PDB file of N, CA and C in Angstrom:
ATOM      1  N   UNK A   1     -34.313 -12.026  71.633  1.00  0.00           N
ATOM      2  CA  UNK A   1     -34.725 -11.677  70.972  1.00  0.00           C
ATOM      3  C   UNK A   1     -34.284 -12.444  69.407  1.00  0.00           C
ATOM      4  N   UNK A   2     -35.897 -12.429  68.341  1.00  0.00           N
ATOM      5  CA  UNK A   2     -35.612 -13.725  67.576  1.00  0.00           C
ATOM      6  C   UNK A   2     -34.698 -12.676  66.251  1.00  0.00           C
ATOM      7  N   UNK A   3     -33.898 -13.626  65.557  1.00  0.00           N
ATOM      8  CA  UNK A   3     -33.446 -12.639  64.962  1.00  0.00           C
ATOM      9  C   UNK A   3     -34.015 -11.890  63.565  1.00  0.00           C
ATOM     10  N   UNK A   4     -34.855 -12.506  62.965  1.00  0.00           N
ATOM     11  CA  UNK A   4     -35.971 -12.098  62.128  1.00  0.00           C
ATOM     12  C   UNK A   4     -36.116 -10.830  62.404  1.00  0.00           C
ATOM     13  N   UNK A   5     -37.157 -10.601  63.638  1.00  0.00           N
ATOM     14  CA  UNK A   5     -37.891  -9.372  63.594  1.00  0.00           C
ATOM     15  C   UNK A   5     -36.336  -8.313  63.634  1.00  0.00           C
ATOM     16  N   UNK A   6     -35.346  -9.071  64.422  1.00  0.00           N
ATOM     17  CA  UNK A   6     -34.337  -7.366  65.075  1.00  0.00           C
ATOM     18  C   UNK A   6     -33.535  -7.350  63.429  1.00  0.00           C
ATOM     19  N   UNK A   7     -33.550  -8.269  62.698  1.00  0.00           N
ATOM     20  CA  UNK A   7     -32.978  -7.586  61.093  1.00  0.00           C
ATOM     21  C   UNK A   7     -33.816  -7.011  60.765  1.00  0.00           C
ATOM     22  N   UNK A   8     -35.050  -7.191  60.618  1.00  0.00           N
ATOM     23  CA  UNK A   8     -36.680  -6.408  59.783  1.00  0.00           C
ATOM     24  C   UNK A   8     -36.151  -5.013  60.640  1.00  0.00           C
ATOM     25  N   UNK A   9     -36.118  -5.089  61.787  1.00  0.00           N
ATOM     26  CA  UNK A   9     -35.932  -3.694  62.179  1.00  0.00           C
ATOM     27  C   UNK A   9     -34.682  -2.451  62.413  1.00  0.00           C
ATOM     28  N   UNK A  10     -33.724  -3.612  62.013  1.00  0.00           N
ATOM     29  CA  UNK A  10     -32.732  -2.670  61.376  1.00  0.00           C
ATOM     30  C   UNK A  10     -33.079  -2.030  59.653  1.00  0.00           C
ATOM     31  N   UNK A  11     -33.652  -3.105  58.957  1.00  0.00           N
ATOM     32  CA  UNK A  11     -33.759  -2.587  57.854  1.00  0.00           C
ATOM     33  C   UNK A  11     -35.395  -1.584  58.148  1.00  0.00           C
ATOM     34  N   UNK A  12     -36.051  -1.401  58.981  1.00  0.00           N
ATOM     35  CA  UNK A  12     -36.955  -0.532  59.065  1.00  0.00           C
ATOM     36  C   UNK A  12     -36.016   0.709  59.516  1.00  0.00           C
ATOM     37  N   UNK A  13     -35.082   0.779  60.395  1.00  0.00           N
ATOM     38  CA  UNK A  13     -34.582   1.975  60.713  1.00  0.00           C
ATOM     39  C   UNK A  13     -34.166   2.490  59.398  1.00  0.00           C
ATOM     40  N   UNK A  14     -33.159   1.640  58.254  1.00  0.00           N
ATOM     41  CA  UNK A  14     -32.296   2.166  57.788  1.00  0.00           C
ATOM     42  C   UNK A  14     -33.677   2.821  56.373  1.00  0.00           C
ATOM     43  N   UNK A  15     -34.694   2.146  56.181  1.00  0.00           N
ATOM     44  CA  UNK A  15     -35.567   2.540  54.860  1.00  0.00           C
ATOM     45  C   UNK A  15     -35.923   4.056  55.733  1.00  0.00           C
ATOM     46  N   UNK A  16     -36.735   3.959  56.736  1.00  0.00           N
ATOM     47  CA  UNK A  16     -37.087   5.021  57.317  1.00  0.00           C
ATOM     48  C   UNK A  16     -36.696   6.277  57.448  1.00  0.00           C
ATOM     49  N   UNK A  17     -35.449   5.922  58.100  1.00  0.00           N
ATOM     50  CA  UNK A  17     -34.301   6.740  58.439  1.00  0.00           C
ATOM     51  C   UNK A  17     -34.772   7.407  60.303  1.00  0.00           C
ATOM     52  N   UNK A  18     -35.564   6.407  60.905  1.00  0.00           N
ATOM     53  CA  UNK A  18     -35.745   7.366  61.979  1.00  0.00           C
ATOM     54  C   UNK A  18     -34.503   6.741  63.183  1.00  0.00           C
ATOM     55  N   UNK A  19     -35.527   7.739  64.073  1.00  0.00           N
ATOM     56  CA  UNK A  19     -33.622   7.169  65.092  1.00  0.00           C
ATOM     57  C   UNK A  19     -34.680   6.083  65.586  1.00  0.00           C
ATOM     58  N   UNK A  20     -33.294   5.742  66.881  1.00  0.00           N
ATOM     59  CA  UNK A  20     -33.845   4.157  67.373  1.00  0.00           C
ATOM     60  C   UNK A  20     -35.110   4.603  68.585  1.00  0.00           C
ATOM     61  N   UNK A  21     -35.264   5.368  69.273  1.00  0.00           N
ATOM     62  CA  UNK A  21     -35.862   5.518  69.492  1.00  0.00           C
ATOM     63  C   UNK A  21     -37.717   5.282  68.945  1.00  0.00           C
ATOM     64  N   UNK A  22     -37.750   6.195  67.929  1.00  0.00           N
ATOM     65  CA  UNK A  22     -38.736   5.750  67.182  1.00  0.00           C
ATOM     66  C   UNK A  22     -39.289   4.034  67.004  1.00  0.00           C
ATOM     67  N   UNK A  23     -38.307   3.205  66.885  1.00  0.00           N
ATOM     68  CA  UNK A  23     -38.485   2.001  66.179  1.00  0.00           C
ATOM     69  C   UNK A  23     -39.879   1.030  66.712  1.00  0.00           C
ATOM     70  N   UNK A  24     -40.555   0.574  65.665  1.00  0.00           N
ATOM     71  CA  UNK A  24     -41.800   0.414  66.169  1.00  0.00           C
ATOM     72  C   UNK A  24     -41.783  -1.178  66.860  1.00  0.00           C
ATOM     73  N   UNK A  25     -42.594  -1.370  68.380  1.00  0.00           N
ATOM     74  CA  UNK A  25     -42.821  -2.431  69.252  1.00  0.00           C
ATOM     75  C   UNK A  25     -42.195  -3.945  68.935  1.00  0.00           C
ATOM     76  N   UNK A  26     -43.176  -3.922  67.645  1.00  0.00           N
ATOM     77  CA  UNK A  26     -43.120  -4.743  67.264  1.00  0.00           C
ATOM     78  C   UNK A  26     -41.836  -5.980  66.517  1.00  0.00           C
ATOM     79  N   UNK A  27     -40.669  -4.880  66.593  1.00  0.00           N
ATOM     80  CA  UNK A  27     -39.248  -5.141  66.666  1.00  0.00           C
ATOM     81  C   UNK A  27     -38.493  -5.418  67.270  1.00  0.00           C
ATOM     82  N   UNK A  28     -38.937  -5.344  68.857  1.00  0.00           N
ATOM     83  CA  UNK A  28     -38.251  -5.599  70.013  1.00  0.00           C
ATOM     84  C   UNK A  28     -38.402  -4.003  70.450  1.00  0.00           C
ATOM     85  N   UNK A  29     -37.525  -3.965  72.040  1.00  0.00           N
ATOM     86  CA  UNK A  29     -37.197  -2.600  72.781  1.00  0.00           C
ATOM     87  C   UNK A  29     -36.220  -2.336  71.569  1.00  0.00           C
ATOM     88  N   UNK A  30     -36.016  -0.915  71.546  1.00  0.00           N
ATOM     89  CA  UNK A  30     -35.218  -0.115  70.672  1.00  0.00           C
ATOM     90  C   UNK A  30     -33.827  -0.448  71.250  1.00  0.00           C
ATOM     91  N   UNK A  31     -34.192   0.022  72.728  1.00  0.00           N
ATOM     92  CA  UNK A  31     -32.827   0.005  73.193  1.00  0.00           C
ATOM     93  C   UNK A  31     -31.622  -1.305  73.269  1.00  0.00           C
ATOM     94  N   UNK A  32     -32.507  -2.467  73.060  1.00  0.00           N
ATOM     95  CA  UNK A  32     -32.110  -4.370  72.942  1.00  0.00           C
ATOM     96  C   UNK A  32     -31.594  -3.804  71.209  1.00  0.00           C
ATOM     97  N   UNK A  33     -32.114  -3.725  70.317  1.00  0.00           N
ATOM     98  CA  UNK A  33     -31.441  -3.357  69.101  1.00  0.00           C
ATOM     99  C   UNK A  33     -30.939  -2.520  68.875  1.00  0.00           C
ATOM    100  N   UNK A  34     -31.059  -1.541  69.382  1.00  0.00           N
ATOM    101  CA  UNK A  34     -29.493  -0.685  69.212  1.00  0.00           C
ATOM    102  C   UNK A  34     -28.487  -1.383  69.416  1.00  0.00           C
ATOM    103  N   UNK A  35     -28.531  -1.685  70.806  1.00  0.00           N
ATOM    104  CA  UNK A  35     -26.974  -2.499  71.375  1.00  0.00           C
ATOM    105  C   UNK A  35     -26.685  -3.591  70.745  1.00  0.00           C
ATOM    106  N   UNK A  36     -27.631  -4.249  70.222  1.00  0.00           N
ATOM    107  CA  UNK A  36     -27.007  -5.537  69.220  1.00  0.00           C
ATOM    108  C   UNK A  36     -26.637  -5.122  68.109  1.00  0.00           C
ATOM    109  N   UNK A  37     -27.169  -4.484  67.801  1.00  0.00           N
ATOM    110  CA  UNK A  37     -26.831  -3.934  66.085  1.00  0.00           C
ATOM    111  C   UNK A  37     -25.676  -3.368  66.189  1.00  0.00           C
ATOM    112  N   UNK A  38     -25.077  -2.626  67.312  1.00  0.00           N
ATOM    113  CA  UNK A  38     -23.804  -1.948  67.203  1.00  0.00           C
ATOM    114  C   UNK A  38     -22.731  -3.225  67.800  1.00  0.00           C
ATOM    115  N   UNK A  39     -23.569  -3.964  68.556  1.00  0.00           N
ATOM    116  CA  UNK A  39     -22.365  -5.359  68.895  1.00  0.00           C
ATOM    117  C   UNK A  39     -22.103  -5.805  67.648  1.00  0.00           C
ATOM    118  N   UNK A  40     -23.017  -6.237  66.946  1.00  0.00           N
ATOM    119  CA  UNK A  40     -23.010  -7.057  65.583  1.00  0.00           C
ATOM    120  C   UNK A  40     -21.579  -6.229  64.771  1.00  0.00           C
ATOM    121  N   UNK A  41     -21.734  -4.822  64.687  1.00  0.00           N
ATOM    122  CA  UNK A  41     -21.298  -3.927  63.644  1.00  0.00           C
ATOM    123  C   UNK A  41     -20.021  -3.991  64.213  1.00  0.00           C
ATOM    124  N   UNK A  42     -19.564  -3.678  65.706  1.00  0.00           N
ATOM    125  CA  UNK A  42     -17.998  -3.886  66.460  1.00  0.00           C
ATOM    126  C   UNK A  42     -17.557  -5.378  65.804  1.00  0.00           C
ATOM    127  N   UNK A  43     -18.224  -6.711  66.104  1.00  0.00           N
ATOM    128  CA  UNK A  43     -17.826  -7.515  65.764  1.00  0.00           C
ATOM    129  C   UNK A  43     -17.613  -8.694  64.327  1.00  0.00           C
ATOM    130  N   UNK A  44     -18.071  -7.413  63.422  1.00  0.00           N
ATOM    131  CA  UNK A  44     -17.667  -7.615  62.027  1.00  0.00           C
ATOM    132  C   UNK A  44     -18.640  -8.468  61.335  1.00  0.00           C
ATOM    133  N   UNK A  45     -19.583  -9.004  62.654  1.00  0.00           N
ATOM    134  CA  UNK A  45     -20.957  -9.261  61.716  1.00  0.00           C
ATOM    135  C   UNK A  45     -21.663  -9.266  60.238  1.00  0.00           C
ATOM    136  N   UNK A  46     -21.679  -7.885  60.306  1.00  0.00           N
ATOM    137  CA  UNK A  46     -22.548  -7.111  59.313  1.00  0.00           C
ATOM    138  C   UNK A  46     -21.448  -7.321  57.837  1.00  0.00           C
ATOM    139  N   UNK A  47     -20.416  -7.518  57.779  1.00  0.00           N
ATOM    140  CA  UNK A  47     -19.593  -7.752  57.094  1.00  0.00           C
ATOM    141  C   UNK A  47     -19.517  -9.409  56.343  1.00  0.00           C
ATOM    142  N   UNK A  48     -19.703  -9.959  57.602  1.00  0.00           N
ATOM    143  CA  UNK A  48     -19.637 -10.952  57.205  1.00  0.00           C
ATOM    144  C   UNK A  48     -20.807 -11.606  56.500  1.00  0.00           C
ATOM    145  N   UNK A  49     -22.021 -11.102  56.642  1.00  0.00           N
ATOM    146  CA  UNK A  49     -23.360 -11.160  56.055  1.00  0.00           C
ATOM    147  C   UNK A  49     -23.452 -10.963  54.674  1.00  0.00           C
ATOM    148  N   UNK A  50     -22.526  -9.613  54.408  1.00  0.00           N
ATOM    149  CA  UNK A  50     -22.696  -8.905  53.671  1.00  0.00           C
ATOM    150  C   UNK A  50     -21.816  -9.724  51.764  1.00  0.00           C
ATOM    151  N   UNK A  51     -20.629  -9.789  52.992  1.00  0.00           N
ATOM    152  CA  UNK A  51     -19.667 -10.932  52.277  1.00  0.00           C
ATOM    153  C   UNK A  51     -20.603 -12.145  51.862  1.00  0.00           C
ATOM    154  N   UNK A  52     -21.175 -13.062  52.437  1.00  0.00           N
ATOM    155  CA  UNK A  52     -21.885 -14.393  52.188  1.00  0.00           C
ATOM    156  C   UNK A  52     -22.819 -13.666  50.901  1.00  0.00           C
ATOM    157  N   UNK A  53     -23.681 -12.787  51.145  1.00  0.00           N
ATOM    158  CA  UNK A  53     -24.994 -12.496  50.117  1.00  0.00           C
ATOM    159  C   UNK A  53     -24.198 -11.862  48.717  1.00  0.00           C
ATOM    160  N   UNK A  54     -22.939 -11.309  48.930  1.00  0.00           N
ATOM    161  CA  UNK A  54     -22.693 -11.056  47.697  1.00  0.00           C
ATOM    162  C   UNK A  54     -21.830 -12.298  46.824  1.00  0.00           C
ATOM    163  N   UNK A  55     -21.407 -13.093  47.766  1.00  0.00           N
ATOM    164  CA  UNK A  55     -21.142 -14.654  47.114  1.00  0.00           C
ATOM    165  C   UNK A  55     -22.136 -15.467  46.525  1.00  0.00           C
ATOM    166  N   UNK A  56     -23.503 -15.211  46.774  1.00  0.00           N
ATOM    167  CA  UNK A  56     -24.411 -15.863  46.317  1.00  0.00           C
ATOM    168  C   UNK A  56     -24.728 -15.565  44.811  1.00  0.00           C
ATOM    169  N   UNK A  57     -24.987 -16.844  44.308  1.00  0.00           N
ATOM    170  CA  UNK A  57     -25.269 -16.482  42.472  1.00  0.00           C
ATOM    171  C   UNK A  57     -26.510 -15.739  42.717  1.00  0.00           C
ATOM    172  N   UNK A  58     -26.839 -14.673  41.763  1.00  0.00           N
ATOM    173  CA  UNK A  58     -28.526 -13.845  42.135  1.00  0.00           C
ATOM    174  C   UNK A  58     -29.281 -15.384  41.074  1.00  0.00           C
ATOM    175  N   UNK A  59     -30.463 -15.139  41.455  1.00  0.00           N
ATOM    176  CA  UNK A  59     -31.210 -16.088  40.481  1.00  0.00           C
ATOM    177  C   UNK A  59     -31.659 -15.768  39.812  1.00  0.00           C
ATOM    178  N   UNK A  60     -31.609 -15.842  38.440  1.00  0.00           N
ATOM    179  CA  UNK A  60     -31.949 -15.533  37.278  1.00  0.00           C
ATOM    180  C   UNK A  60     -31.431 -14.351  36.425  1.00  0.00           C
ATOM    181  N   UNK A  61     -29.891 -13.795  37.330  1.00  0.00           N
ATOM    182  CA  UNK A  61     -29.447 -13.044  36.736  1.00  0.00           C
ATOM    183  C   UNK A  61     -28.026 -13.309  36.534  1.00  0.00           C
ATOM    184  N   UNK A  62     -27.264 -12.555  35.938  1.00  0.00           N
ATOM    185  CA  UNK A  62     -25.759 -13.061  35.379  1.00  0.00           C
ATOM    186  C   UNK A  62     -25.201 -11.659  35.477  1.00  0.00           C
ATOM    187  N   UNK A  63     -23.926 -11.469  35.847  1.00  0.00           N
ATOM    188  CA  UNK A  63     -23.114  -9.929  35.863  1.00  0.00           C
ATOM    189  C   UNK A  63     -21.686 -10.566  34.665  1.00  0.00           C
ATOM    190  N   UNK A  64     -21.757  -9.514  33.893  1.00  0.00           N
ATOM    191  CA  UNK A  64     -20.916  -9.641  33.290  1.00  0.00           C
ATOM    192  C   UNK A  64     -20.003  -8.045  32.882  1.00  0.00           C
ATOM    193  N   UNK A  65     -18.455  -7.967  33.465  1.00  0.00           N
ATOM    194  CA  UNK A  65     -18.190  -7.058  33.966  1.00  0.00           C
ATOM    195  C   UNK A  65     -18.796  -6.023  34.671  1.00  0.00           C
ATOM    196  N   UNK A  66     -19.533  -6.516  35.386  1.00  0.00           N
ATOM    197  CA  UNK A  66     -20.160  -5.345  36.549  1.00  0.00           C
ATOM    198  C   UNK A  66     -21.280  -4.955  35.690  1.00  0.00           C
ATOM    199  N   UNK A  67     -21.811  -5.310  34.691  1.00  0.00           N
ATOM    200  CA  UNK A  67     -23.435  -4.941  33.851  1.00  0.00           C
ATOM    201  C   UNK A  67     -24.266  -6.012  34.577  1.00  0.00           C
ATOM    202  N   UNK A  68     -25.409  -5.714  34.667  1.00  0.00           N
ATOM    203  CA  UNK A  68     -26.397  -6.855  35.354  1.00  0.00           C
ATOM    204  C   UNK A  68     -26.750  -7.327  33.789  1.00  0.00           C
ATOM    205  N   UNK A  69     -27.052  -8.615  33.647  1.00  0.00           N
ATOM    206  CA  UNK A  69     -27.563  -8.952  32.092  1.00  0.00           C
ATOM    207  C   UNK A  69     -28.868 -10.006  33.110  1.00  0.00           C
ATOM    208  N   UNK A  70     -30.010  -9.548  32.714  1.00  0.00           N
ATOM    209  CA  UNK A  70     -31.516 -10.521  33.308  1.00  0.00           C
ATOM    210  C   UNK A  70     -31.865 -11.581  32.001  1.00  0.00           C
TER     211      UNK A  70
END
């Protein structure tokens, strides 16, 4: 399964609140996506992704004392 479709499928589930079995086919088989999601969760992959995203500078924005400055 292509990772972009997988991640988009996860985002769709989070955005809609739908159960796994209602995942749209364009994201892959719901069983495969759910299994991979839980595998990544168990392996700490999501925490690694979050840490890398948080370390990236926001384009055009700066933070000062936890306040966003545009």
